């Protein structure tokens, strides 16, 4: 089982992403709030545990910056 994801695991997962250097900020832009992003991951993990009928969850796009994270479009497939 992949869930639950702890805060430490989420932070490790973020650091392992191929695009991680972009999260730290580029071309004078501030980086992603990695702590907030890690909390977001753990929250999604808790949702999947709380609702075992979820068989698929797609969040695309997910917009994130130094102050916020916004799921623009979410698709959740439920198995009955």
PDB file of N, CA and C in Angstrom:
ATOM      1  N   UNK A   1       0.849  -1.186   0.000  1.00  0.00           N
ATOM      2  CA  UNK A   1       0.000   0.000   0.000  1.00  0.00           C
ATOM      3  C   UNK A   1       0.889   1.242   0.000  1.00  0.00           C
ATOM      4  N   UNK A   2       0.549   2.203  -0.826  1.00  0.00           N
ATOM      5  CA  UNK A   2       1.334   3.429  -0.935  1.00  0.00           C
ATOM      6  C   UNK A   2       0.970   4.457   0.134  1.00  0.00           C
ATOM      7  N   UNK A   3      -0.257   4.419   0.596  1.00  0.00           N
ATOM      8  CA  UNK A   3      -0.703   5.408   1.577  1.00  0.00           C
ATOM      9  C   UNK A   3      -0.729   4.755   2.955  1.00  0.00           C
ATOM     10  N   UNK A   4      -0.536   5.456   4.011  1.00  0.00           N
ATOM     11  CA  UNK A   4      -0.358   6.900   4.066  1.00  0.00           C
ATOM     12  C   UNK A   4       1.094   7.302   3.787  1.00  0.00           C
ATOM     13  N   UNK A   5       1.242   8.505   3.304  1.00  0.00           N
ATOM     14  CA  UNK A   5       2.558   9.075   3.052  1.00  0.00           C
ATOM     15  C   UNK A   5       2.852  10.046   4.190  1.00  0.00           C
ATOM     16  N   UNK A   6       3.966   9.846   4.866  1.00  0.00           N
ATOM     17  CA  UNK A   6       4.340  10.751   5.947  1.00  0.00           C
ATOM     18  C   UNK A   6       4.917  12.038   5.369  1.00  0.00           C
ATOM     19  N   UNK A   7       5.010  13.039   6.190  1.00  0.00           N
ATOM     20  CA  UNK A   7       5.577  14.318   5.756  1.00  0.00           C
ATOM     21  C   UNK A   7       7.029  14.133   5.310  1.00  0.00           C
ATOM     22  N   UNK A   8       7.776  13.330   6.022  1.00  0.00           N
ATOM     23  CA  UNK A   8       9.175  13.076   5.655  1.00  0.00           C
ATOM     24  C   UNK A   8       9.267  12.340   4.317  1.00  0.00           C
ATOM     25  N   UNK A   9       8.381  11.372   4.103  1.00  0.00           N
ATOM     26  CA  UNK A   9       8.370  10.655   2.817  1.00  0.00           C
ATOM     27  C   UNK A   9       8.006  11.601   1.678  1.00  0.00           C
ATOM     28  N   UNK A  10       7.036  12.470   1.906  1.00  0.00           N
ATOM     29  CA  UNK A  10       6.623  13.428   0.876  1.00  0.00           C
ATOM     30  C   UNK A  10       7.777  14.360   0.528  1.00  0.00           C
ATOM     31  N   UNK A  11       8.486  14.843   1.528  1.00  0.00           N
ATOM     32  CA  UNK A  11       9.635  15.727   1.276  1.00  0.00           C
ATOM     33  C   UNK A  11      10.714  15.002   0.484  1.00  0.00           C
ATOM     34  N   UNK A  12      10.957  13.740   0.810  1.00  0.00           N
ATOM     35  CA  UNK A  12      11.944  12.936   0.084  1.00  0.00           C
ATOM     36  C   UNK A  12      11.496  12.738  -1.365  1.00  0.00           C
ATOM     37  N   UNK A  13      10.216  12.450  -1.572  1.00  0.00           N
ATOM     38  CA  UNK A  13       9.675  12.251  -2.920  1.00  0.00           C
ATOM     39  C   UNK A  13       9.856  13.510  -3.760  1.00  0.00           C
ATOM     40  N   UNK A  14       9.601  14.669  -3.153  1.00  0.00           N
ATOM     41  CA  UNK A  14       9.738  15.939  -3.867  1.00  0.00           C
ATOM     42  C   UNK A  14      11.187  16.153  -4.294  1.00  0.00           C
ATOM     43  N   UNK A  15      12.135  15.904  -3.392  1.00  0.00           N
ATOM     44  CA  UNK A  15      13.560  16.093  -3.705  1.00  0.00           C
ATOM     45  C   UNK A  15      14.034  15.139  -4.804  1.00  0.00           C
ATOM     46  N   UNK A  16      13.356  14.000  -4.980  1.00  0.00           N
ATOM     47  CA  UNK A  16      13.767  13.019  -5.981  1.00  0.00           C
ATOM     48  C   UNK A  16      13.183  13.297  -7.373  1.00  0.00           C
ATOM     49  N   UNK A  17      12.271  14.258  -7.473  1.00  0.00           N
ATOM     50  CA  UNK A  17      11.680  14.566  -8.777  1.00  0.00           C
ATOM     51  C   UNK A  17      12.738  15.098  -9.740  1.00  0.00           C
ATOM     52  N   UNK A  18      12.640  14.699 -10.988  1.00  0.00           N
ATOM     53  CA  UNK A  18      13.597  15.152 -11.993  1.00  0.00           C
ATOM     54  C   UNK A  18      13.570  16.675 -12.120  1.00  0.00           C
ATOM     55  N   UNK A  19      12.396  17.273 -11.994  1.00  0.00           N
ATOM     56  CA  UNK A  19      12.268  18.723 -12.119  1.00  0.00           C
ATOM     57  C   UNK A  19      12.507  19.481 -10.818  1.00  0.00           C
ATOM     58  N   UNK A  20      13.018  18.804  -9.798  1.00  0.00           N
ATOM     59  CA  UNK A  20      13.198  19.438  -8.496  1.00  0.00           C
ATOM     60  C   UNK A  20      13.979  20.757  -8.557  1.00  0.00           C
ATOM     61  N   UNK A  21      15.031  20.869  -9.355  1.00  0.00           N
ATOM     62  CA  UNK A  21      15.747  22.146  -9.400  1.00  0.00           C
ATOM     63  C   UNK A  21      14.842  23.331  -9.754  1.00  0.00           C
ATOM     64  N   UNK A  22      13.800  23.100 -10.536  1.00  0.00           N
ATOM     65  CA  UNK A  22      12.865  24.172 -10.869  1.00  0.00           C
ATOM     66  C   UNK A  22      12.074  24.627  -9.648  1.00  0.00           C
ATOM     67  N   UNK A  23      11.877  23.713  -8.692  1.00  0.00           N
ATOM     68  CA  UNK A  23      11.113  24.041  -7.478  1.00  0.00           C
ATOM     69  C   UNK A  23      11.844  25.033  -6.594  1.00  0.00           C
ATOM     70  N   UNK A  24      13.144  25.141  -6.759  1.00  0.00           N
ATOM     71  CA  UNK A  24      13.925  26.027  -5.905  1.00  0.00           C
ATOM     72  C   UNK A  24      13.954  27.456  -6.432  1.00  0.00           C
ATOM     73  N   UNK A  25      13.402  27.662  -7.624  1.00  0.00           N
ATOM     74  CA  UNK A  25      13.354  28.997  -8.225  1.00  0.00           C
ATOM     75  C   UNK A  25      14.339  29.112  -9.376  1.00  0.00           C
ATOM     76  N   UNK A  26      13.894  29.752 -10.444  1.00  0.00           N
ATOM     77  CA  UNK A  26      14.733  29.958 -11.626  1.00  0.00           C
ATOM     78  C   UNK A  26      14.482  31.345 -12.183  1.00  0.00           C
ATOM     79  N   UNK A  27      15.503  31.886 -12.833  1.00  0.00           N
ATOM     80  CA  UNK A  27      15.400  33.185 -13.519  1.00  0.00           C
ATOM     81  C   UNK A  27      14.796  34.274 -12.640  1.00  0.00           C
ATOM     82  N   UNK A  28      15.229  34.326 -11.402  1.00  0.00           N
ATOM     83  CA  UNK A  28      14.770  35.366 -10.499  1.00  0.00           C
ATOM     84  C   UNK A  28      13.411  35.127  -9.860  1.00  0.00           C
ATOM     85  N   UNK A  29      12.757  34.022 -10.218  1.00  0.00           N
ATOM     86  CA  UNK A  29      11.462  33.696  -9.633  1.00  0.00           C
ATOM     87  C   UNK A  29      11.667  32.988  -8.303  1.00  0.00           C
ATOM     88  N   UNK A  30      10.738  33.198  -7.377  1.00  0.00           N
ATOM     89  CA  UNK A  30      10.798  32.467  -6.119  1.00  0.00           C
ATOM     90  C   UNK A  30      10.421  31.010  -6.378  1.00  0.00           C
ATOM     91  N   UNK A  31      10.913  30.150  -5.529  1.00  0.00           N
ATOM     92  CA  UNK A  31      10.643  28.727  -5.675  1.00  0.00           C
ATOM     93  C   UNK A  31       9.303  28.327  -5.091  1.00  0.00           C
ATOM     94  N   UNK A  32       8.987  27.083  -5.298  1.00  0.00           N
ATOM     95  CA  UNK A  32       7.781  26.461  -4.774  1.00  0.00           C
ATOM     96  C   UNK A  32       7.884  26.346  -3.261  1.00  0.00           C
ATOM     97  N   UNK A  33       6.776  26.501  -2.573  1.00  0.00           N
ATOM     98  CA  UNK A  33       6.735  26.273  -1.137  1.00  0.00           C
ATOM     99  C   UNK A  33       6.725  24.759  -0.936  1.00  0.00           C
ATOM    100  N   UNK A  34       7.909  24.186  -0.767  1.00  0.00           N
ATOM    101  CA  UNK A  34       8.044  22.728  -0.706  1.00  0.00           C
ATOM    102  C   UNK A  34       7.367  22.145   0.531  1.00  0.00           C
ATOM    103  N   UNK A  35       7.365  22.873   1.633  1.00  0.00           N
ATOM    104  CA  UNK A  35       6.692  22.390   2.836  1.00  0.00           C
ATOM    105  C   UNK A  35       5.184  22.284   2.598  1.00  0.00           C
ATOM    106  N   UNK A  36       4.599  23.298   1.969  1.00  0.00           N
ATOM    107  CA  UNK A  36       3.175  23.269   1.648  1.00  0.00           C
ATOM    108  C   UNK A  36       2.869  22.136   0.672  1.00  0.00           C
ATOM    109  N   UNK A  37       3.742  21.940  -0.306  1.00  0.00           N
ATOM    110  CA  UNK A  37       3.559  20.871  -1.284  1.00  0.00           C
ATOM    111  C   UNK A  37       3.617  19.497  -0.596  1.00  0.00           C
ATOM    112  N   UNK A  38       4.525  19.325   0.356  1.00  0.00           N
ATOM    113  CA  UNK A  38       4.614  18.070   1.096  1.00  0.00           C
ATOM    114  C   UNK A  38       3.333  17.831   1.894  1.00  0.00           C
ATOM    115  N   UNK A  39       2.783  18.873   2.498  1.00  0.00           N
ATOM    116  CA  UNK A  39       1.519  18.738   3.226  1.00  0.00           C
ATOM    117  C   UNK A  39       0.388  18.366   2.263  1.00  0.00           C
ATOM    118  N   UNK A  40       0.406  18.927   1.066  1.00  0.00           N
ATOM    119  CA  UNK A  40      -0.597  18.616   0.045  1.00  0.00           C
ATOM    120  C   UNK A  40      -0.550  17.121  -0.286  1.00  0.00           C
ATOM    121  N   UNK A  41       0.649  16.594  -0.465  1.00  0.00           N
ATOM    122  CA  UNK A  41       0.814  15.173  -0.784  1.00  0.00           C
ATOM    123  C   UNK A  41       0.269  14.303   0.349  1.00  0.00           C
ATOM    124  N   UNK A  42       0.585  14.657   1.590  1.00  0.00           N
ATOM    125  CA  UNK A  42       0.090  13.858   2.715  1.00  0.00           C
ATOM    126  C   UNK A  42      -1.426  13.946   2.819  1.00  0.00           C
ATOM    127  N   UNK A  43      -1.999  15.094   2.485  1.00  0.00           N
ATOM    128  CA  UNK A  43      -3.459  15.242   2.520  1.00  0.00           C
ATOM    129  C   UNK A  43      -4.129  14.355   1.475  1.00  0.00           C
ATOM    130  N   UNK A  44      -3.569  14.314   0.283  1.00  0.00           N
ATOM    131  CA  UNK A  44      -4.109  13.434  -0.765  1.00  0.00           C
ATOM    132  C   UNK A  44      -4.000  11.978  -0.300  1.00  0.00           C
ATOM    133  N   UNK A  45      -2.898  11.642   0.317  1.00  0.00           N
ATOM    134  CA  UNK A  45      -2.704  10.298   0.858  1.00  0.00           C
ATOM    135  C   UNK A  45      -3.795   9.953   1.869  1.00  0.00           C
ATOM    136  N   UNK A  46      -4.106  10.890   2.750  1.00  0.00           N
ATOM    137  CA  UNK A  46      -5.154  10.669   3.748  1.00  0.00           C
ATOM    138  C   UNK A  46      -6.528  10.530   3.089  1.00  0.00           C
ATOM    139  N   UNK A  47      -6.790  11.296   2.033  1.00  0.00           N
ATOM    140  CA  UNK A  47      -8.056  11.197   1.309  1.00  0.00           C
ATOM    141  C   UNK A  47      -8.233   9.794   0.738  1.00  0.00           C
ATOM    142  N   UNK A  48      -7.182   9.268   0.139  1.00  0.00           N
ATOM    143  CA  UNK A  48      -7.248   7.938  -0.462  1.00  0.00           C
ATOM    144  C   UNK A  48      -7.501   6.875   0.607  1.00  0.00           C
ATOM    145  N   UNK A  49      -6.926   7.054   1.784  1.00  0.00           N
ATOM    146  CA  UNK A  49      -7.187   6.120   2.881  1.00  0.00           C
ATOM    147  C   UNK A  49      -8.614   6.240   3.402  1.00  0.00           C
ATOM    148  N   UNK A  50      -9.108   7.471   3.494  1.00  0.00           N
ATOM    149  CA  UNK A  50     -10.441   7.710   4.056  1.00  0.00           C
ATOM    150  C   UNK A  50     -11.550   7.247   3.118  1.00  0.00           C
ATOM    151  N   UNK A  51     -11.279   7.230   1.820  1.00  0.00           N
ATOM    152  CA  UNK A  51     -12.292   6.851   0.828  1.00  0.00           C
ATOM    153  C   UNK A  51     -11.725   5.698  -0.006  1.00  0.00           C
ATOM    154  N   UNK A  52     -11.831   4.476   0.493  1.00  0.00           N
ATOM    155  CA  UNK A  52     -11.227   3.338  -0.198  1.00  0.00           C
ATOM    156  C   UNK A  52     -11.849   3.055  -1.565  1.00  0.00           C
ATOM    157  N   UNK A  53     -12.998   3.635  -1.847  1.00  0.00           N
ATOM    158  CA  UNK A  53     -13.624   3.446  -3.163  1.00  0.00           C
ATOM    159  C   UNK A  53     -12.884   4.197  -4.270  1.00  0.00           C
ATOM    160  N   UNK A  54     -11.988   5.093  -3.924  1.00  0.00           N
ATOM    161  CA  UNK A  54     -11.197   5.807  -4.936  1.00  0.00           C
ATOM    162  C   UNK A  54     -10.223   4.824  -5.560  1.00  0.00           C
ATOM    163  N   UNK A  55     -10.364   4.636  -6.866  1.00  0.00           N
ATOM    164  CA  UNK A  55      -9.456   3.736  -7.575  1.00  0.00           C
ATOM    165  C   UNK A  55      -8.517   4.498  -8.498  1.00  0.00           C
ATOM    166  N   UNK A  56      -8.846   5.747  -8.755  1.00  0.00           N
ATOM    167  CA  UNK A  56      -8.010   6.563  -9.635  1.00  0.00           C
ATOM    168  C   UNK A  56      -8.218   8.020  -9.275  1.00  0.00           C
ATOM    169  N   UNK A  57      -7.128   8.781  -9.260  1.00  0.00           N
ATOM    170  CA  UNK A  57      -7.206  10.201  -8.962  1.00  0.00           C
ATOM    171  C   UNK A  57      -6.205  10.915  -9.853  1.00  0.00           C
ATOM    172  N   UNK A  58      -6.693  11.877 -10.620  1.00  0.00           N
ATOM    173  CA  UNK A  58      -5.834  12.614 -11.549  1.00  0.00           C
ATOM    174  C   UNK A  58      -5.992  14.099 -11.264  1.00  0.00           C
ATOM    175  N   UNK A  59      -4.899  14.767 -10.952  1.00  0.00           N
ATOM    176  CA  UNK A  59      -4.896  16.210 -10.721  1.00  0.00           C
ATOM    177  C   UNK A  59      -4.001  16.813 -11.787  1.00  0.00           C
ATOM    178  N   UNK A  60      -4.620  17.563 -12.706  1.00  0.00           N
ATOM    179  CA  UNK A  60      -3.847  18.101 -13.816  1.00  0.00           C
ATOM    180  C   UNK A  60      -4.601  19.261 -14.450  1.00  0.00           C
ATOM    181  N   UNK A  61      -4.069  20.445 -14.414  1.00  0.00           N
ATOM    182  CA  UNK A  61      -2.783  20.810 -13.838  1.00  0.00           C
ATOM    183  C   UNK A  61      -2.896  21.153 -12.360  1.00  0.00           C
ATOM    184  N   UNK A  62      -1.756  21.124 -11.727  1.00  0.00           N
ATOM    185  CA  UNK A  62      -1.610  21.553 -10.337  1.00  0.00           C
ATOM    186  C   UNK A  62      -0.693  22.770 -10.374  1.00  0.00           C
ATOM    187  N   UNK A  63      -1.210  23.903  -9.981  1.00  0.00           N
ATOM    188  CA  UNK A  63      -0.425  25.135  -9.989  1.00  0.00           C
ATOM    189  C   UNK A  63       0.106  25.399  -8.593  1.00  0.00           C
ATOM    190  N   UNK A  64       1.384  25.693  -8.490  1.00  0.00           N
ATOM    191  CA  UNK A  64       1.994  25.921  -7.185  1.00  0.00           C
ATOM    192  C   UNK A  64       3.025  27.036  -7.290  1.00  0.00           C
ATOM    193  N   UNK A  65       3.106  27.820  -6.223  1.00  0.00           N
ATOM    194  CA  UNK A  65       4.135  28.852  -6.131  1.00  0.00           C
ATOM    195  C   UNK A  65       4.585  28.959  -4.686  1.00  0.00           C
ATOM    196  N   UNK A  66       5.183  30.071  -4.333  1.00  0.00           N
ATOM    197  CA  UNK A  66       5.733  30.200  -2.981  1.00  0.00           C
ATOM    198  C   UNK A  66       4.675  30.357  -1.896  1.00  0.00           C
ATOM    199  N   UNK A  67       3.417  30.624  -2.284  1.00  0.00           N
ATOM    200  CA  UNK A  67       2.384  30.862  -1.271  1.00  0.00           C
ATOM    201  C   UNK A  67       1.174  29.945  -1.363  1.00  0.00           C
ATOM    202  N   UNK A  68       0.973  29.272  -2.492  1.00  0.00           N
ATOM    203  CA  UNK A  68      -0.265  28.508  -2.643  1.00  0.00           C
ATOM    204  C   UNK A  68      -0.107  27.327  -3.597  1.00  0.00           C
ATOM    205  N   UNK A  69      -1.092  26.442  -3.510  1.00  0.00           N
ATOM    206  CA  UNK A  69      -1.214  25.311  -4.428  1.00  0.00           C
ATOM    207  C   UNK A  69      -2.677  25.253  -4.852  1.00  0.00           C
ATOM    208  N   UNK A  70      -2.914  25.150  -6.164  1.00  0.00           N
ATOM    209  CA  UNK A  70      -4.275  25.104  -6.681  1.00  0.00           C
ATOM    210  C   UNK A  70      -4.414  23.939  -7.645  1.00  0.00           C
ATOM    211  N   UNK A  71      -5.369  23.069  -7.352  1.00  0.00           N
ATOM    212  CA  UNK A  71      -5.711  21.987  -8.270  1.00  0.00           C
ATOM    213  C   UNK A  71      -6.737  22.557  -9.248  1.00  0.00           C
ATOM    214  N   UNK A  72      -6.329  22.756 -10.484  1.00  0.00           N
ATOM    215  CA  UNK A  72      -7.209  23.370 -11.477  1.00  0.00           C
ATOM    216  C   UNK A  72      -8.270  22.388 -11.952  1.00  0.00           C
ATOM    217  N   UNK A  73      -7.882  21.161 -12.173  1.00  0.00           N
ATOM    218  CA  UNK A  73      -8.815  20.142 -12.647  1.00  0.00           C
ATOM    219  C   UNK A  73      -8.501  18.836 -11.931  1.00  0.00           C
ATOM    220  N   UNK A  74      -9.534  18.201 -11.407  1.00  0.00           N
ATOM    221  CA  UNK A  74      -9.373  16.940 -10.687  1.00  0.00           C
ATOM    222  C   UNK A  74     -10.387  15.947 -11.220  1.00  0.00           C
ATOM    223  N   UNK A  75      -9.919  14.727 -11.472  1.00  0.00           N
ATOM    224  CA  UNK A  75     -10.803  13.654 -11.884  1.00  0.00           C
ATOM    225  C   UNK A  75     -10.597  12.507 -10.911  1.00  0.00           C
ATOM    226  N   UNK A  76     -11.686  12.047 -10.320  1.00  0.00           N
ATOM    227  CA  UNK A  76     -11.630  10.952  -9.359  1.00  0.00           C
ATOM    228  C   UNK A  76     -12.543   9.841  -9.849  1.00  0.00           C
ATOM    229  N   UNK A  77     -11.991   8.643  -9.976  1.00  0.00           N
ATOM    230  CA  UNK A  77     -12.776   7.478 -10.371  1.00  0.00           C
ATOM    231  C   UNK A  77     -13.091   6.672  -9.118  1.00  0.00           C
ATOM    232  N   UNK A  78     -14.379   6.400  -8.926  1.00  0.00           N
ATOM    233  CA  UNK A  78     -14.860   5.678  -7.751  1.00  0.00           C
ATOM    234  C   UNK A  78     -15.317   4.285  -8.171  1.00  0.00           C
ATOM    235  N   UNK A  79     -14.916   3.268  -7.440  1.00  0.00           N
ATOM    236  CA  UNK A  79     -15.371   1.907  -7.684  1.00  0.00           C
ATOM    237  C   UNK A  79     -16.460   1.598  -6.680  1.00  0.00           C
ATOM    238  N   UNK A  80     -17.598   1.153  -7.163  1.00  0.00           N
ATOM    239  CA  UNK A  80     -18.706   0.810  -6.282  1.00  0.00           C
ATOM    240  C   UNK A  80     -18.751  -0.662  -6.028  1.00  0.00           C
TER     241      UNK A  80
END
